[in-house]
Amino acid sequence: MNVPQPLAGLPHQKSAPQPLAGLRVVEFTHMVMGPTCGMVLADLGAEVVKVEPVDGDRTRHLIGAGAGFFPLFNRNKKSIGIDLKTADGAAAARRLALSADVVAENFKPGALARVGLDYASLAKDNERLIYVSHKGFLPGPYEHRTALDEVVQMMGGLAYMTGRPGDPLRAGSSVNDIMGGMFGAIGALGALIQRGISGRGMEVQSALFENNVFLVGQHMLQYAITGQAAPPMPERISAWGIYDVFTVRDGEQIFLAAVSDPQWKVFCEVLGFADLFAEPAYRSNNDRVRARPALIPLLRERLAGRGAAELAAIFERAGLPYAPIRRPEELLDDPHLLATGDLADIVLPDGDRAGQAVKTTLLPLAMDGARLGVRADPPRFGADTDELLAGVGYTPDEIAALRARHVVA
């Protein structure tokens, strides 16, 4: 196979446009959903202030599947630690929030209202404020429930669609948390445009459950249109005749597809399957879909002795869709990602590897031909407390007094 070469003239990450430069975002967030919203706005150039509990965001020290949460979703941000449960801490947080263009949060409903940091309270003193709330559910009968990505995947049909019949399975990434944060950022961008017209801000709401329902909307419409319930993906009736993972020589696996009649012709030519191309039962894509119970086992048998690398090279030359079955850690050495600048260095702020550089993924977009890169590493806890409090009017002595009483860190 051809190895992708570095793109000629690919701009350095730090030369990318910063369309939100000059915008201040203050986020009261934790875990994944809220921080994702802040990360998107930060990557686009906004100054994003992460307000952490006075003992630090607990995702800084998660292990296992949570080990990557903080460093991935909190790059390009500043950090301040504030105890919102104290009157002085809530007052400091309010000053920060009122200095912002956008406030983002993902606390439980009503939690920030108790300390005067809800939209209604802040908008009284800053009518231009845009306030992005990330919740488990939009206002309604479920809004009081505690939601997790897994909760909404189970109740929202996604786990059913992903797993085998009788074995619901959550998707292998925090899809609703991440997309919910992205939709929060999209709402914030829309509200910023509207503010430029009207001069007034607004509240934006994004929610895990509604995000999940959006993801399975295609299956809901399938039922509405056809009257046929969508079976789980492993048992689905594929729209394409050839669209499968094949186990080949030495137990390796590869995904191969032919999703059109011209592709089927090329598929048969490059693999030496002239007899299959001549078979009337396989003539059109819909014919092949109907014949899948016989066709796919036949192809599995014929391909079993081929090597995955051999098939990949054949499909690469022929322009047919294929994919090796990769693990996430293998992507750190992916030649395309390395060539296109999708992987950037960050320095870890916490844990046993604090101070060490690792690779992280960037937003999957380019602007003006450049990737939106890492301007600032994930912040050390409280690294910007003094600067931020001074910026909203606190004197050095006042900051020292707040720190001595553990109101800020």
Protein backbone atom coordinates (compact mmCIF):
# COMPACT_ATOMS: atom_id res chain seq x y z
CA MET A 1 0.00 0.00 0.00
CA ASN A 2 1.06 3.58 -0.54
CA VAL A 3 2.02 5.34 2.66
CA PRO A 4 0.56 8.89 2.77
CA GLN A 5 3.24 11.55 2.63
CA PRO A 6 3.13 14.77 4.70
CA LEU A 7 0.95 17.36 3.03
CA ALA A 8 3.01 20.00 1.27
CA GLY A 9 2.66 23.37 2.91
CA LEU A 10 0.60 22.08 5.84
CA PRO A 11 0.45 25.10 8.18
CA HIS A 12 1.89 24.73 11.65
CA GLN A 13 -0.88 24.09 14.15
CA LYS A 14 -0.33 27.38 15.97
CA SER A 15 -0.89 29.36 12.75
CA ALA A 16 -4.49 28.21 12.53
CA PRO A 17 -7.25 30.84 12.59
CA GLN A 18 -8.76 31.72 15.94
CA PRO A 19 -12.24 32.97 15.03
CA LEU A 20 -13.30 33.25 18.69
CA ALA A 21 -10.22 35.18 19.85
CA GLY A 22 -11.30 37.86 22.33
CA LEU A 23 -14.28 35.85 23.55
CA ARG A 24 -14.32 34.84 27.22
CA VAL A 25 -15.95 31.59 28.33
CA VAL A 26 -16.30 30.66 32.00
CA GLU A 27 -17.20 27.03 32.55
CA PHE A 28 -18.52 25.32 35.66
CA THR A 29 -18.11 21.82 34.31
CA HIS A 30 -16.83 18.36 35.10
CA MET A 31 -16.48 14.91 33.51
CA VAL A 32 -16.93 14.99 29.69
CA MET A 33 -20.05 16.76 28.36
CA GLY A 34 -19.51 20.29 29.68
CA PRO A 35 -15.73 20.21 29.22
CA THR A 36 -16.21 19.14 25.59
CA CYS A 37 -18.23 22.29 24.92
CA GLY A 38 -15.49 24.41 26.48
CA MET A 39 -12.79 22.56 24.54
CA VAL A 40 -14.49 23.24 21.22
CA LEU A 41 -14.78 26.95 21.99
CA ALA A 42 -11.19 27.03 23.30
CA ASP A 43 -9.83 25.30 20.21
CA LEU A 44 -11.61 27.97 18.14
CA GLY A 45 -9.65 30.64 19.99
CA ALA A 46 -11.79 31.64 22.97
CA GLU A 47 -10.28 32.28 26.39
CA VAL A 48 -11.86 29.51 28.44
CA VAL A 49 -11.72 29.63 32.23
CA LYS A 50 -12.32 26.32 33.98
CA VAL A 51 -13.71 26.83 37.48
CA GLU A 52 -12.81 23.77 39.52
CA PRO A 53 -13.76 22.75 43.06
CA VAL A 54 -11.33 24.02 45.65
CA ASP A 55 -9.73 20.56 45.77
CA GLY A 56 -9.59 20.19 42.00
CA ASP A 57 -11.65 18.52 39.31
CA ARG A 58 -11.88 14.84 40.23
CA THR A 59 -11.40 13.76 36.60
CA ARG A 60 -7.77 14.82 37.00
CA HIS A 61 -7.15 11.63 38.95
CA LEU A 62 -9.45 9.05 37.36
CA ILE A 63 -7.93 5.72 36.39
CA GLY A 64 -8.94 3.12 33.84
CA ALA A 65 -11.30 4.33 31.13
CA GLY A 66 -11.35 7.81 32.69
CA ALA A 67 -7.60 8.38 32.59
CA GLY A 68 -7.79 10.43 29.39
CA PHE A 69 -10.78 12.59 30.31
CA PHE A 70 -9.06 15.62 31.80
CA PRO A 71 -6.11 15.98 29.42
CA LEU A 72 -8.25 15.50 26.31
CA PHE A 73 -11.18 17.78 27.12
CA ASN A 74 -9.39 20.57 28.99
CA ARG A 75 -6.58 21.73 26.72
CA ASN A 76 -6.37 25.42 25.77
CA LYS A 77 -8.02 26.41 29.09
CA LYS A 78 -7.12 28.29 32.25
CA SER A 79 -7.77 26.89 35.72
CA ILE A 80 -9.02 28.44 38.93
CA GLY A 81 -10.13 26.63 42.07
CA ILE A 82 -13.12 28.10 43.93
CA ASP A 83 -15.26 26.76 46.77
CA LEU A 84 -18.75 27.58 45.51
CA LYS A 85 -20.27 26.45 48.81
CA THR A 86 -18.91 29.53 50.59
CA ALA A 87 -20.42 32.98 50.22
CA ASP A 88 -17.07 34.52 49.26
CA GLY A 89 -16.40 31.75 46.77
CA ALA A 90 -19.80 32.15 45.13
CA ALA A 91 -19.21 35.92 44.97
CA ALA A 92 -15.84 35.42 43.25
CA ALA A 93 -17.37 32.95 40.79
CA ARG A 94 -20.16 35.43 40.08
CA ARG A 95 -17.67 38.16 39.25
CA LEU A 96 -15.94 35.82 36.83
CA ALA A 97 -19.22 34.72 35.25
CA LEU A 98 -20.34 38.32 34.74
CA SER A 99 -17.07 39.05 32.94
CA ALA A 100 -17.83 36.33 30.39
CA ASP A 101 -19.48 36.25 27.00
CA VAL A 102 -20.45 32.62 27.52
CA VAL A 103 -21.01 30.58 30.69
CA ALA A 104 -21.13 26.80 30.32
CA GLU A 105 -22.23 24.36 33.05
CA ASN A 106 -23.30 20.78 33.59
CA PHE A 107 -24.39 20.71 37.23
CA LYS A 108 -27.59 19.04 38.39
CA PRO A 109 -30.73 21.10 37.76
CA GLY A 110 -31.03 23.87 40.35
CA ALA A 111 -27.55 23.44 41.83
CA LEU A 112 -26.10 26.69 40.50
CA ALA A 113 -29.31 28.63 41.19
CA ARG A 114 -28.69 28.11 44.90
CA VAL A 115 -25.49 30.18 44.65
CA GLY A 116 -26.74 32.79 42.18
CA LEU A 117 -24.95 31.33 39.16
CA ASP A 118 -27.97 30.31 37.11
CA TYR A 119 -28.92 32.07 33.88
CA ALA A 120 -31.80 34.06 35.37
CA SER A 121 -29.62 35.47 38.14
CA LEU A 122 -26.66 36.35 35.91
CA ALA A 123 -28.72 37.74 33.02
CA LYS A 124 -30.15 40.41 35.32
CA ASP A 125 -26.70 42.00 35.43
CA ASN A 126 -25.47 41.01 31.97
CA GLU A 127 -28.17 40.83 29.33
CA ARG A 128 -25.57 39.95 26.69
CA LEU A 129 -24.60 36.75 28.48
CA ILE A 130 -24.97 33.43 26.65
CA TYR A 131 -25.49 30.57 29.07
CA VAL A 132 -25.06 26.96 27.94
CA SER A 133 -26.57 24.28 30.20
CA HIS A 134 -25.64 20.64 29.65
CA LYS A 135 -28.03 18.22 31.33
CA GLY A 136 -29.11 14.62 31.28
CA PHE A 137 -32.55 15.55 29.93
CA LEU A 138 -34.18 18.67 28.60
CA PRO A 139 -36.96 20.06 30.85
CA GLY A 140 -39.74 17.51 31.13
CA PRO A 141 -40.83 14.40 33.05
CA TYR A 142 -37.30 12.94 33.13
CA GLU A 143 -35.32 16.05 34.03
CA HIS A 144 -34.96 15.05 37.71
CA ARG A 145 -33.19 11.79 36.83
CA THR A 146 -29.47 11.29 37.11
CA ALA A 147 -28.12 10.53 33.66
CA LEU A 148 -24.93 8.94 32.41
CA ASP A 149 -23.90 8.16 28.85
CA GLU A 150 -24.66 4.50 29.53
CA VAL A 151 -28.07 5.34 31.05
CA VAL A 152 -29.29 7.21 27.97
CA GLN A 153 -27.78 4.66 25.59
CA MET A 154 -29.82 1.95 27.32
CA MET A 155 -33.10 3.88 27.49
CA GLY A 156 -32.60 5.62 24.15
CA GLY A 157 -32.25 2.59 21.88
CA LEU A 158 -28.56 2.94 21.04
CA ALA A 159 -27.38 0.03 23.22
CA TYR A 160 -30.14 -2.12 21.71
CA MET A 161 -28.99 -1.23 18.19
CA THR A 162 -25.29 -1.81 18.96
CA GLY A 163 -25.53 -5.17 20.70
CA ARG A 164 -26.70 -8.55 19.57
CA PRO A 165 -30.32 -9.53 20.23
CA GLY A 166 -30.81 -9.86 23.96
CA ASP A 167 -27.39 -8.37 24.67
CA PRO A 168 -27.61 -4.55 24.72
CA LEU A 169 -24.15 -3.02 24.45
CA ARG A 170 -23.08 0.58 24.95
CA ALA A 171 -21.02 2.19 22.21
CA GLY A 172 -17.28 2.02 22.81
CA SER A 173 -16.84 5.75 23.41
CA SER A 174 -18.59 8.53 25.34
CA VAL A 175 -20.64 9.36 22.27
CA ASN A 176 -23.49 11.23 23.95
CA ASP A 177 -21.27 13.14 26.35
CA ILE A 178 -18.99 14.27 23.53
CA MET A 179 -21.74 15.05 21.04
CA GLY A 180 -23.86 16.71 23.73
CA GLY A 181 -20.96 19.07 24.42
CA MET A 182 -20.52 19.68 20.72
CA PHE A 183 -24.21 20.58 20.34
CA GLY A 184 -23.83 22.92 23.31
CA ALA A 185 -20.97 24.63 21.46
CA ILE A 186 -23.01 24.80 18.26
CA GLY A 187 -25.84 26.42 20.22
CA ALA A 188 -23.39 28.91 21.72
CA LEU A 189 -22.10 29.85 18.27
CA GLY A 190 -25.64 30.38 17.02
CA ALA A 191 -26.46 32.48 20.07
CA LEU A 192 -23.36 34.60 19.48
CA ILE A 193 -24.52 35.37 15.96
CA GLN A 194 -27.99 36.25 17.24
CA ARG A 195 -26.45 38.48 19.93
CA GLY A 196 -24.62 40.35 17.21
CA ILE A 197 -28.01 41.14 15.70
CA SER A 198 -30.15 41.76 18.79
CA GLY A 199 -27.55 42.73 21.38
CA ARG A 200 -29.01 40.22 23.82
CA GLY A 201 -27.81 36.82 25.01
CA MET A 202 -29.88 33.74 25.66
CA GLU A 203 -29.88 30.38 27.40
CA VAL A 204 -28.88 27.33 25.36
CA GLN A 205 -29.68 23.81 26.55
CA SER A 206 -28.18 20.52 25.44
CA ALA A 207 -28.98 17.10 26.88
CA LEU A 208 -27.65 13.55 26.81
CA PHE A 209 -30.97 11.79 26.26
CA GLU A 210 -32.13 14.03 23.44
CA ASN A 211 -28.69 13.70 21.83
CA ASN A 212 -28.99 9.92 21.97
CA VAL A 213 -32.48 10.03 20.45
CA PHE A 214 -31.08 12.15 17.62
CA LEU A 215 -28.46 9.46 17.00
CA VAL A 216 -31.10 6.73 16.63
CA GLY A 217 -33.50 8.98 14.70
CA GLN A 218 -32.70 7.18 11.45
CA HIS A 219 -33.94 3.92 12.97
CA MET A 220 -37.07 5.60 14.31
CA LEU A 221 -37.82 6.94 10.83
CA GLN A 222 -37.11 3.55 9.32
CA TYR A 223 -39.96 2.17 11.42
CA ALA A 224 -42.23 5.16 10.72
CA ILE A 225 -41.73 4.79 6.97
CA THR A 226 -41.61 1.02 6.51
CA GLY A 227 -43.55 -0.27 9.51
CA GLN A 228 -40.63 -2.61 10.17
CA ALA A 229 -38.75 -2.27 13.45
CA ALA A 230 -35.00 -1.87 13.01
CA PRO A 231 -33.19 -4.97 14.30
CA PRO A 232 -29.90 -4.60 16.18
CA MET A 233 -27.01 -3.81 13.87
CA PRO A 234 -25.47 -7.32 14.05
CA GLU A 235 -28.79 -8.71 12.80
CA ARG A 236 -29.76 -5.91 10.44
CA ILE A 237 -30.74 -6.37 6.83
CA SER A 238 -27.86 -4.50 5.24
CA ALA A 239 -28.56 -1.95 2.53
CA TRP A 240 -25.48 -3.26 0.71
CA GLY A 241 -24.72 -6.68 -0.72
CA ILE A 242 -21.07 -6.73 0.40
CA TYR A 243 -20.47 -4.83 3.64
CA ASP A 244 -18.84 -7.09 6.20
CA VAL A 245 -15.90 -8.01 8.39
CA PHE A 246 -14.09 -11.07 7.06
CA THR A 247 -11.78 -13.33 9.04
CA VAL A 248 -8.87 -14.27 6.79
CA ARG A 249 -5.52 -16.05 7.02
CA ASP A 250 -3.90 -16.33 10.46
CA GLY A 251 -7.13 -15.18 12.09
CA GLU A 252 -6.70 -11.58 10.94
CA GLN A 253 -9.78 -9.54 10.17
CA ILE A 254 -10.56 -6.91 7.57
CA PHE A 255 -13.68 -4.99 6.54
CA LEU A 256 -14.49 -5.21 2.84
CA ALA A 257 -17.33 -3.61 0.91
CA ALA A 258 -18.85 -3.24 -2.53
CA VAL A 259 -21.80 -0.88 -2.28
CA SER A 260 -22.66 -0.33 -5.93
CA ASP A 261 -22.93 -2.39 -9.08
CA PRO A 262 -19.74 -0.90 -10.57
CA GLN A 263 -17.89 -1.72 -7.35
CA TRP A 264 -19.22 -5.30 -7.48
CA LYS A 265 -17.78 -5.64 -11.00
CA VAL A 266 -14.36 -4.42 -9.84
CA PHE A 267 -14.60 -6.60 -6.69
CA CYS A 268 -15.07 -9.72 -8.79
CA GLU A 269 -12.37 -8.72 -11.30
CA VAL A 270 -9.59 -8.03 -8.79
CA LEU A 271 -10.37 -11.14 -6.70
CA GLY A 272 -10.77 -13.47 -9.66
CA PHE A 273 -14.45 -14.15 -9.04
CA ALA A 274 -15.67 -14.02 -12.64
CA ASP A 275 -18.13 -16.84 -11.93
CA LEU A 276 -19.85 -14.77 -9.25
CA PHE A 277 -20.12 -11.74 -11.52
CA ALA A 278 -21.76 -13.90 -14.18
CA GLU A 279 -24.29 -15.29 -11.70
CA PRO A 280 -27.76 -13.70 -12.39
CA ALA A 281 -28.73 -14.01 -8.72
CA TYR A 282 -25.99 -11.49 -7.86
CA ARG A 283 -26.55 -9.02 -10.70
CA SER A 284 -27.79 -5.93 -8.83
CA ASN A 285 -27.09 -4.66 -5.33
CA ASN A 286 -30.62 -5.49 -4.22
CA ASP A 287 -30.21 -8.98 -5.70
CA ARG A 288 -27.05 -9.40 -3.66
CA VAL A 289 -28.79 -8.16 -0.52
CA ARG A 290 -31.49 -10.78 -0.99
CA ALA A 291 -28.82 -13.42 -1.67
CA ARG A 292 -26.63 -12.52 1.34
CA PRO A 293 -27.47 -15.72 3.31
CA ALA A 294 -25.71 -17.70 0.56
CA LEU A 295 -23.29 -15.12 -0.85
CA ILE A 296 -21.54 -14.00 2.32
CA PRO A 297 -20.65 -17.53 3.55
CA LEU A 298 -19.34 -18.27 0.05
CA LEU A 299 -17.14 -15.17 0.13
CA ARG A 300 -15.92 -16.01 3.63
CA GLU A 301 -14.83 -19.41 2.39
CA ARG A 302 -13.04 -18.03 -0.66
CA LEU A 303 -11.28 -15.24 1.24
CA ALA A 304 -10.22 -17.32 4.24
CA GLY A 305 -6.83 -18.18 2.73
CA ARG A 306 -5.95 -14.63 1.71
CA GLY A 307 -3.84 -12.37 3.93
CA ALA A 308 -5.28 -9.14 5.32
CA ALA A 309 -2.35 -7.09 3.97
CA GLU A 310 -2.73 -8.71 0.54
CA LEU A 311 -6.44 -7.86 0.42
CA ALA A 312 -5.80 -4.33 1.62
CA ALA A 313 -3.26 -3.78 -1.15
CA ILE A 314 -5.68 -5.16 -3.76
CA PHE A 315 -8.55 -2.97 -2.58
CA GLU A 316 -6.27 0.08 -2.29
CA ARG A 317 -5.16 -0.24 -5.92
CA ALA A 318 -8.73 -0.85 -7.09
CA GLY A 319 -10.23 2.06 -5.14
CA LEU A 320 -12.63 -0.22 -3.29
CA PRO A 321 -13.69 0.47 0.32
CA TYR A 322 -11.81 -1.52 2.94
CA ALA A 323 -10.50 -1.11 6.46
CA PRO A 324 -8.13 -2.95 8.74
CA ILE A 325 -9.56 -3.64 12.19
CA ARG A 326 -7.57 -1.29 14.39
CA ARG A 327 -7.29 -0.67 18.12
CA PRO A 328 -7.27 2.91 19.47
CA GLU A 329 -3.63 2.72 20.56
CA GLU A 330 -2.57 1.77 17.03
CA LEU A 331 -3.84 5.12 15.75
CA LEU A 332 -1.00 6.91 17.54
CA ASP A 333 1.25 5.68 14.72
CA ASP A 334 -1.25 6.06 11.87
CA PRO A 335 0.60 7.53 8.85
CA HIS A 336 -2.38 9.58 7.68
CA LEU A 337 -2.98 11.14 11.11
CA LEU A 338 0.72 11.92 11.43
CA ALA A 339 0.84 13.45 7.95
CA THR A 340 -2.25 15.61 8.37
CA GLY A 341 -1.35 16.92 11.83
CA ASP A 342 -4.27 15.31 13.63
CA LEU A 343 -2.08 14.30 16.56
CA ALA A 344 -0.57 17.03 18.74
CA ASP A 345 1.65 17.01 21.80
CA ILE A 346 0.35 17.98 25.21
CA VAL A 347 2.09 17.93 28.57
CA LEU A 348 0.17 16.03 31.25
CA PRO A 349 -0.68 18.18 34.29
CA ASP A 350 -1.42 15.45 36.83
CA GLY A 351 -0.68 11.94 37.98
CA ASP A 352 2.42 9.78 37.86
CA ARG A 353 3.26 11.07 34.38
CA ALA A 354 2.79 14.78 35.14
CA GLY A 355 5.16 16.86 33.06
CA GLN A 356 5.49 14.25 30.33
CA ALA A 357 4.42 14.86 26.74
CA VAL A 358 1.87 12.60 25.05
CA LYS A 359 -0.09 12.72 21.81
CA THR A 360 -3.69 13.91 21.74
CA THR A 361 -6.30 14.19 18.99
CA LEU A 362 -7.48 17.51 17.58
CA LEU A 363 -10.91 18.63 16.43
CA PRO A 364 -11.70 16.85 13.15
CA LEU A 365 -11.71 19.97 11.01
CA ALA A 366 -9.34 22.38 9.29
CA MET A 367 -9.83 26.11 8.86
CA ASP A 368 -8.03 28.03 6.14
CA GLY A 369 -6.07 24.86 5.49
CA ALA A 370 -4.80 24.54 9.07
CA ARG A 371 -5.70 22.32 12.00
CA LEU A 372 -6.89 23.94 15.22
CA GLY A 373 -4.04 23.05 17.50
CA VAL A 374 -2.94 23.12 21.12
CA ARG A 375 -2.15 26.68 22.21
CA ALA A 376 -1.93 25.72 25.88
CA ASP A 377 -1.47 22.39 27.63
CA PRO A 378 -4.19 21.12 29.99
CA PRO A 379 -3.76 23.46 32.97
CA ARG A 380 -2.27 22.59 36.31
CA PHE A 381 -4.91 22.97 39.00
CA GLY A 382 -5.30 26.62 40.02
CA ALA A 383 -2.52 27.77 37.71
CA ASP A 384 -4.39 30.95 36.78
CA THR A 385 -6.20 31.79 40.02
CA ASP A 386 -4.27 34.97 40.84
CA GLU A 387 -4.41 36.33 37.29
CA LEU A 388 -8.13 35.68 36.92
CA LEU A 389 -9.14 37.12 40.28
CA ALA A 390 -6.98 40.19 39.71
CA GLY A 391 -8.71 40.61 36.37
CA VAL A 392 -12.10 40.97 38.07
CA GLY A 393 -10.92 43.43 40.68
CA TYR A 394 -9.41 41.49 43.57
CA THR A 395 -6.26 42.90 45.15
CA PRO A 396 -3.25 40.70 45.99
CA ASP A 397 -4.11 40.94 49.70
CA GLU A 398 -7.72 39.91 49.06
CA ILE A 399 -6.57 36.96 46.98
CA ALA A 400 -4.14 35.90 49.69
CA ALA A 401 -6.89 36.11 52.32
CA LEU A 402 -9.24 33.97 50.21
CA ARG A 403 -6.52 31.41 49.69
CA ALA A 404 -5.67 31.33 53.41
CA ARG A 405 -9.31 30.46 54.15
CA HIS A 406 -9.33 27.80 51.40
CA VAL A 407 -11.98 29.70 49.45
CA VAL A 408 -9.75 29.64 46.36
CA ALA A 409 -6.82 27.53 45.27
